[in-house]
Amino acid sequence: MATASDLTDSPQGQPPESLQALAEYLEFSLDKGKCLVMMRHGTDACSVYIGDPSDEEGDLTAHGTIATALADEILEFTRSGANQITVGDQTYRFFRSFTHVAKVGAVVFAPL
């Protein structure tokens, strides 16, 4: 299992902004018992959704947008497959995968 937090702590002991943002969105997904889904709809921002992208009848719930640079950094600090990050005193375990939702590429972070 890739452990992103071991490689990304800054000298001040704080994880990068991208992993802090990911942790916040993972909290939302855990509260709902659903996946976190990131979709790029343009060049400047990625939409963030909570839901199950494999459920064709269920809707994904929009949960904001993040800058493309932040989304790219999240992808740099995580890998396809099983991941583990620690932000503060909370450890998050998730599986990162790729799918298509309505013909748009989507990165899915599913809790483990």
N, C-alpha and C. Protein backbone atom coordinates (compact mmCIF):
# COMPACT_ATOMS: atom_id res chain seq x y z
N MET A 1 0.86 -1.18 0.00
CA MET A 1 0.00 0.00 0.00
C MET A 1 0.90 1.24 0.00
N ALA A 2 0.65 2.13 -0.92
CA ALA A 2 1.41 3.37 -0.98
C ALA A 2 1.05 4.25 0.20
N THR A 3 2.04 4.83 0.82
CA THR A 3 1.82 5.74 1.94
C THR A 3 2.30 7.11 1.54
N ALA A 4 1.38 7.94 1.09
CA ALA A 4 1.73 9.26 0.59
C ALA A 4 2.28 10.17 1.68
N SER A 5 1.74 10.08 2.87
CA SER A 5 2.12 11.05 3.91
C SER A 5 3.56 10.91 4.34
N ASP A 6 4.16 9.74 4.20
CA ASP A 6 5.56 9.56 4.58
C ASP A 6 6.48 10.40 3.71
N LEU A 7 6.06 10.69 2.49
CA LEU A 7 6.91 11.38 1.54
C LEU A 7 6.59 12.86 1.41
N THR A 8 5.49 13.32 1.99
CA THR A 8 5.01 14.65 1.65
C THR A 8 4.95 15.64 2.79
N ASP A 9 5.37 15.27 3.98
CA ASP A 9 5.35 16.23 5.08
C ASP A 9 6.34 17.35 4.80
N SER A 10 5.93 18.56 5.04
CA SER A 10 6.81 19.70 4.87
C SER A 10 7.70 19.83 6.10
N PRO A 11 8.71 20.69 6.05
CA PRO A 11 9.59 20.87 7.21
C PRO A 11 8.82 21.30 8.47
N GLN A 12 7.71 22.00 8.31
CA GLN A 12 6.94 22.45 9.46
C GLN A 12 6.04 21.34 10.02
N GLY A 13 6.09 20.14 9.41
CA GLY A 13 5.27 19.04 9.89
C GLY A 13 3.86 19.05 9.35
N GLN A 14 3.54 19.96 8.45
CA GLN A 14 2.21 20.04 7.86
C GLN A 14 2.21 19.34 6.50
N PRO A 15 1.19 18.53 6.23
CA PRO A 15 1.09 17.96 4.89
C PRO A 15 0.75 19.06 3.89
N PRO A 16 1.04 18.85 2.63
CA PRO A 16 0.74 19.87 1.62
C PRO A 16 -0.77 20.17 1.54
N GLU A 17 -1.09 21.33 1.02
CA GLU A 17 -2.48 21.76 0.90
C GLU A 17 -3.32 20.74 0.14
N SER A 18 -2.74 20.11 -0.88
CA SER A 18 -3.49 19.14 -1.67
C SER A 18 -3.95 17.96 -0.82
N LEU A 19 -3.10 17.44 0.04
CA LEU A 19 -3.49 16.31 0.89
C LEU A 19 -4.46 16.75 1.98
N GLN A 20 -4.34 17.98 2.45
CA GLN A 20 -5.32 18.49 3.41
C GLN A 20 -6.70 18.58 2.75
N ALA A 21 -6.74 19.07 1.50
CA ALA A 21 -8.01 19.15 0.77
C ALA A 21 -8.58 17.76 0.54
N LEU A 22 -7.73 16.82 0.13
CA LEU A 22 -8.18 15.45 -0.08
C LEU A 22 -8.76 14.88 1.20
N ALA A 23 -8.10 15.10 2.33
CA ALA A 23 -8.59 14.59 3.61
C ALA A 23 -9.97 15.16 3.94
N GLU A 24 -10.17 16.45 3.68
CA GLU A 24 -11.48 17.05 3.95
C GLU A 24 -12.57 16.39 3.11
N TYR A 25 -12.30 16.18 1.84
CA TYR A 25 -13.29 15.54 0.97
C TYR A 25 -13.49 14.07 1.34
N LEU A 26 -12.43 13.40 1.76
CA LEU A 26 -12.58 12.02 2.20
C LEU A 26 -13.46 11.93 3.43
N GLU A 27 -13.36 12.92 4.33
CA GLU A 27 -14.25 12.95 5.50
C GLU A 27 -15.72 13.01 5.07
N PHE A 28 -16.03 13.88 4.09
CA PHE A 28 -17.40 13.96 3.58
C PHE A 28 -17.85 12.62 3.02
N SER A 29 -16.98 11.99 2.24
CA SER A 29 -17.37 10.71 1.63
C SER A 29 -17.57 9.63 2.69
N LEU A 30 -16.72 9.63 3.72
CA LEU A 30 -16.88 8.65 4.79
C LEU A 30 -18.18 8.87 5.55
N ASP A 31 -18.53 10.14 5.79
CA ASP A 31 -19.79 10.44 6.49
C ASP A 31 -20.99 9.91 5.72
N LYS A 32 -20.91 9.93 4.40
CA LYS A 32 -22.02 9.47 3.55
C LYS A 32 -21.90 8.00 3.18
N GLY A 33 -20.76 7.39 3.49
CA GLY A 33 -20.56 6.00 3.10
C GLY A 33 -20.45 5.83 1.60
N LYS A 34 -19.92 6.84 0.93
CA LYS A 34 -19.83 6.85 -0.54
C LYS A 34 -18.40 7.12 -0.97
N CYS A 35 -18.21 7.18 -2.27
CA CYS A 35 -16.91 7.47 -2.87
C CYS A 35 -16.75 8.97 -3.10
N LEU A 36 -15.51 9.39 -3.17
CA LEU A 36 -15.16 10.74 -3.60
C LEU A 36 -14.80 10.63 -5.07
N VAL A 37 -15.38 11.51 -5.90
CA VAL A 37 -15.17 11.46 -7.35
C VAL A 37 -14.70 12.83 -7.82
N MET A 38 -13.58 12.87 -8.55
CA MET A 38 -13.06 14.12 -9.12
C MET A 38 -13.18 14.03 -10.64
N MET A 39 -13.78 15.09 -11.23
CA MET A 39 -13.94 15.13 -12.68
C MET A 39 -13.49 16.47 -13.20
N ARG A 40 -12.69 16.45 -14.25
CA ARG A 40 -12.20 17.69 -14.86
C ARG A 40 -13.16 18.05 -16.00
N HIS A 41 -13.82 19.20 -15.85
CA HIS A 41 -14.76 19.66 -16.86
C HIS A 41 -14.19 20.81 -17.70
N GLY A 42 -13.06 21.34 -17.32
CA GLY A 42 -12.43 22.44 -18.03
C GLY A 42 -10.95 22.45 -17.73
N THR A 43 -10.29 23.52 -18.09
CA THR A 43 -8.84 23.59 -17.88
C THR A 43 -8.46 24.17 -16.53
N ASP A 44 -9.39 24.87 -15.87
CA ASP A 44 -9.04 25.57 -14.64
C ASP A 44 -9.48 24.89 -13.35
N ALA A 45 -10.48 24.03 -13.43
CA ALA A 45 -11.03 23.47 -12.20
C ALA A 45 -11.53 22.04 -12.39
N CYS A 46 -11.54 21.32 -11.29
CA CYS A 46 -12.11 19.97 -11.24
C CYS A 46 -13.31 20.01 -10.31
N SER A 47 -14.36 19.34 -10.73
CA SER A 47 -15.54 19.22 -9.89
C SER A 47 -15.36 18.04 -8.96
N VAL A 48 -15.85 18.19 -7.75
CA VAL A 48 -15.75 17.14 -6.74
C VAL A 48 -17.17 16.68 -6.40
N TYR A 49 -17.36 15.37 -6.41
CA TYR A 49 -18.67 14.78 -6.14
C TYR A 49 -18.54 13.71 -5.07
N ILE A 50 -19.65 13.44 -4.41
CA ILE A 50 -19.74 12.33 -3.47
C ILE A 50 -20.83 11.41 -4.01
N GLY A 51 -20.55 10.12 -4.06
CA GLY A 51 -21.54 9.17 -4.54
C GLY A 51 -20.88 7.91 -5.04
N ASP A 52 -21.66 7.10 -5.74
CA ASP A 52 -21.19 5.84 -6.29
C ASP A 52 -21.26 5.93 -7.80
N PRO A 53 -20.13 6.09 -8.47
CA PRO A 53 -20.16 6.26 -9.92
C PRO A 53 -20.61 5.00 -10.67
N SER A 54 -20.61 3.85 -10.02
CA SER A 54 -21.05 2.63 -10.69
C SER A 54 -22.57 2.46 -10.63
N ASP A 55 -23.25 3.27 -9.82
CA ASP A 55 -24.70 3.21 -9.69
C ASP A 55 -25.32 4.13 -10.75
N GLU A 56 -25.73 3.55 -11.87
CA GLU A 56 -26.24 4.35 -12.98
C GLU A 56 -27.52 5.11 -12.64
N GLU A 57 -28.28 4.62 -11.68
CA GLU A 57 -29.53 5.30 -11.32
C GLU A 57 -29.33 6.32 -10.21
N GLY A 58 -28.25 6.20 -9.47
CA GLY A 58 -27.98 7.13 -8.39
C GLY A 58 -27.23 8.34 -8.91
N ASP A 59 -27.52 9.48 -8.36
CA ASP A 59 -26.83 10.69 -8.78
C ASP A 59 -25.62 10.95 -7.90
N LEU A 60 -24.62 11.53 -8.51
CA LEU A 60 -23.49 12.02 -7.74
C LEU A 60 -23.87 13.39 -7.21
N THR A 61 -23.53 13.65 -5.96
CA THR A 61 -23.84 14.94 -5.34
C THR A 61 -22.63 15.86 -5.47
N ALA A 62 -22.84 17.01 -6.11
CA ALA A 62 -21.76 17.99 -6.26
C ALA A 62 -21.33 18.49 -4.89
N HIS A 63 -20.02 18.59 -4.72
CA HIS A 63 -19.50 19.02 -3.42
C HIS A 63 -18.42 20.07 -3.57
N GLY A 64 -18.45 20.82 -4.68
CA GLY A 64 -17.51 21.92 -4.87
C GLY A 64 -16.57 21.69 -6.03
N THR A 65 -15.62 22.60 -6.14
CA THR A 65 -14.58 22.51 -7.16
C THR A 65 -13.23 22.81 -6.53
N ILE A 66 -12.21 22.30 -7.16
CA ILE A 66 -10.85 22.60 -6.74
C ILE A 66 -10.05 22.99 -7.98
N ALA A 67 -9.01 23.76 -7.79
CA ALA A 67 -8.15 24.18 -8.89
C ALA A 67 -7.48 22.96 -9.52
N THR A 68 -7.29 23.02 -10.82
CA THR A 68 -6.66 21.91 -11.54
C THR A 68 -5.27 21.60 -10.97
N ALA A 69 -4.52 22.63 -10.60
CA ALA A 69 -3.18 22.42 -10.03
C ALA A 69 -3.26 21.61 -8.74
N LEU A 70 -4.26 21.89 -7.91
CA LEU A 70 -4.44 21.15 -6.66
C LEU A 70 -4.83 19.71 -6.96
N ALA A 71 -5.73 19.51 -7.92
CA ALA A 71 -6.14 18.16 -8.31
C ALA A 71 -4.95 17.37 -8.87
N ASP A 72 -4.13 18.03 -9.68
CA ASP A 72 -2.95 17.36 -10.23
C ASP A 72 -1.99 16.94 -9.12
N GLU A 73 -1.84 17.79 -8.10
CA GLU A 73 -0.96 17.45 -6.98
C GLU A 73 -1.52 16.28 -6.18
N ILE A 74 -2.84 16.23 -6.01
CA ILE A 74 -3.46 15.08 -5.34
C ILE A 74 -3.11 13.80 -6.09
N LEU A 75 -3.19 13.85 -7.41
CA LEU A 75 -2.87 12.67 -8.21
C LEU A 75 -1.39 12.31 -8.14
N GLU A 76 -0.52 13.31 -7.99
CA GLU A 76 0.91 13.05 -7.84
C GLU A 76 1.22 12.36 -6.51
N PHE A 77 0.49 12.72 -5.45
CA PHE A 77 0.77 12.17 -4.12
C PHE A 77 0.04 10.86 -3.85
N THR A 78 -0.83 10.45 -4.75
CA THR A 78 -1.55 9.18 -4.59
C THR A 78 -1.28 8.32 -5.82
N ARG A 79 -1.66 7.06 -5.72
CA ARG A 79 -1.45 6.11 -6.82
C ARG A 79 -2.71 5.34 -7.08
N SER A 80 -2.79 4.79 -8.29
CA SER A 80 -3.87 3.85 -8.57
C SER A 80 -3.72 2.67 -7.62
N GLY A 81 -4.83 2.21 -7.10
CA GLY A 81 -4.80 1.10 -6.15
C GLY A 81 -4.93 1.61 -4.73
N ALA A 82 -4.48 0.79 -3.79
CA ALA A 82 -4.60 1.10 -2.37
C ALA A 82 -3.64 2.20 -1.96
N ASN A 83 -4.12 3.12 -1.13
CA ASN A 83 -3.34 4.26 -0.62
C ASN A 83 -3.63 4.45 0.86
N GLN A 84 -2.71 5.10 1.52
CA GLN A 84 -2.89 5.51 2.91
C GLN A 84 -2.22 6.86 3.09
N ILE A 85 -2.95 7.82 3.64
CA ILE A 85 -2.36 9.12 3.98
C ILE A 85 -2.72 9.44 5.42
N THR A 86 -1.86 10.20 6.06
CA THR A 86 -2.14 10.67 7.41
C THR A 86 -2.08 12.19 7.39
N VAL A 87 -3.16 12.80 7.85
CA VAL A 87 -3.24 14.26 7.96
C VAL A 87 -3.62 14.56 9.40
N GLY A 88 -2.74 15.27 10.08
CA GLY A 88 -2.95 15.47 11.51
C GLY A 88 -2.84 14.13 12.21
N ASP A 89 -3.84 13.81 13.01
CA ASP A 89 -3.83 12.52 13.70
C ASP A 89 -4.78 11.51 13.06
N GLN A 90 -5.28 11.82 11.87
CA GLN A 90 -6.24 10.96 11.18
C GLN A 90 -5.57 10.26 10.00
N THR A 91 -5.73 8.95 9.92
CA THR A 91 -5.22 8.17 8.80
C THR A 91 -6.38 7.77 7.91
N TYR A 92 -6.20 7.95 6.61
CA TYR A 92 -7.23 7.62 5.61
C TYR A 92 -6.69 6.52 4.72
N ARG A 93 -7.50 5.49 4.53
CA ARG A 93 -7.15 4.40 3.62
C ARG A 93 -8.21 4.38 2.53
N PHE A 94 -7.74 4.36 1.28
CA PHE A 94 -8.68 4.41 0.17
C PHE A 94 -8.07 3.74 -1.05
N PHE A 95 -8.93 3.41 -1.99
CA PHE A 95 -8.52 2.80 -3.25
C PHE A 95 -8.79 3.80 -4.36
N ARG A 96 -7.75 4.17 -5.10
CA ARG A 96 -7.92 5.14 -6.19
C ARG A 96 -8.04 4.39 -7.51
N SER A 97 -9.07 4.75 -8.28
CA SER A 97 -9.28 4.12 -9.58
C SER A 97 -9.78 5.16 -10.57
N PHE A 98 -9.95 4.75 -11.81
CA PHE A 98 -10.40 5.64 -12.87
C PHE A 98 -11.61 5.02 -13.54
N THR A 99 -12.58 5.86 -13.90
CA THR A 99 -13.76 5.41 -14.62
C THR A 99 -14.27 6.55 -15.49
N HIS A 100 -15.36 6.31 -16.17
CA HIS A 100 -16.04 7.36 -16.94
C HIS A 100 -17.44 7.54 -16.36
N VAL A 101 -17.84 8.78 -16.21
CA VAL A 101 -19.18 9.13 -15.76
C VAL A 101 -19.74 10.07 -16.82
N ALA A 102 -20.82 9.67 -17.46
CA ALA A 102 -21.42 10.49 -18.52
C ALA A 102 -20.37 10.90 -19.56
N LYS A 103 -19.55 9.94 -19.96
CA LYS A 103 -18.52 10.14 -20.99
C LYS A 103 -17.40 11.10 -20.58
N VAL A 104 -17.26 11.36 -19.29
CA VAL A 104 -16.19 12.21 -18.78
C VAL A 104 -15.32 11.36 -17.87
N GLY A 105 -14.01 11.47 -18.01
CA GLY A 105 -13.09 10.74 -17.14
C GLY A 105 -13.25 11.18 -15.69
N ALA A 106 -13.17 10.21 -14.79
CA ALA A 106 -13.35 10.49 -13.37
C ALA A 106 -12.36 9.67 -12.54
N VAL A 107 -11.75 10.32 -11.55
CA VAL A 107 -10.90 9.64 -10.60
C VAL A 107 -11.74 9.36 -9.36
N VAL A 108 -11.72 8.11 -8.93
CA VAL A 108 -12.57 7.69 -7.80
C VAL A 108 -11.68 7.31 -6.62
N PHE A 109 -12.03 7.84 -5.46
CA PHE A 109 -11.35 7.51 -4.21
C PHE A 109 -12.37 6.77 -3.35
N ALA A 110 -12.24 5.45 -3.26
CA ALA A 110 -13.19 4.64 -2.50
C ALA A 110 -12.59 4.28 -1.16
N PRO A 111 -13.34 4.51 -0.07
CA PRO A 111 -12.80 4.16 1.26
C PRO A 111 -12.55 2.66 1.38
N LEU A 112 -11.50 2.31 2.10
CA LEU A 112 -11.19 0.88 2.38
C LEU A 112 -11.61 0.54 3.78
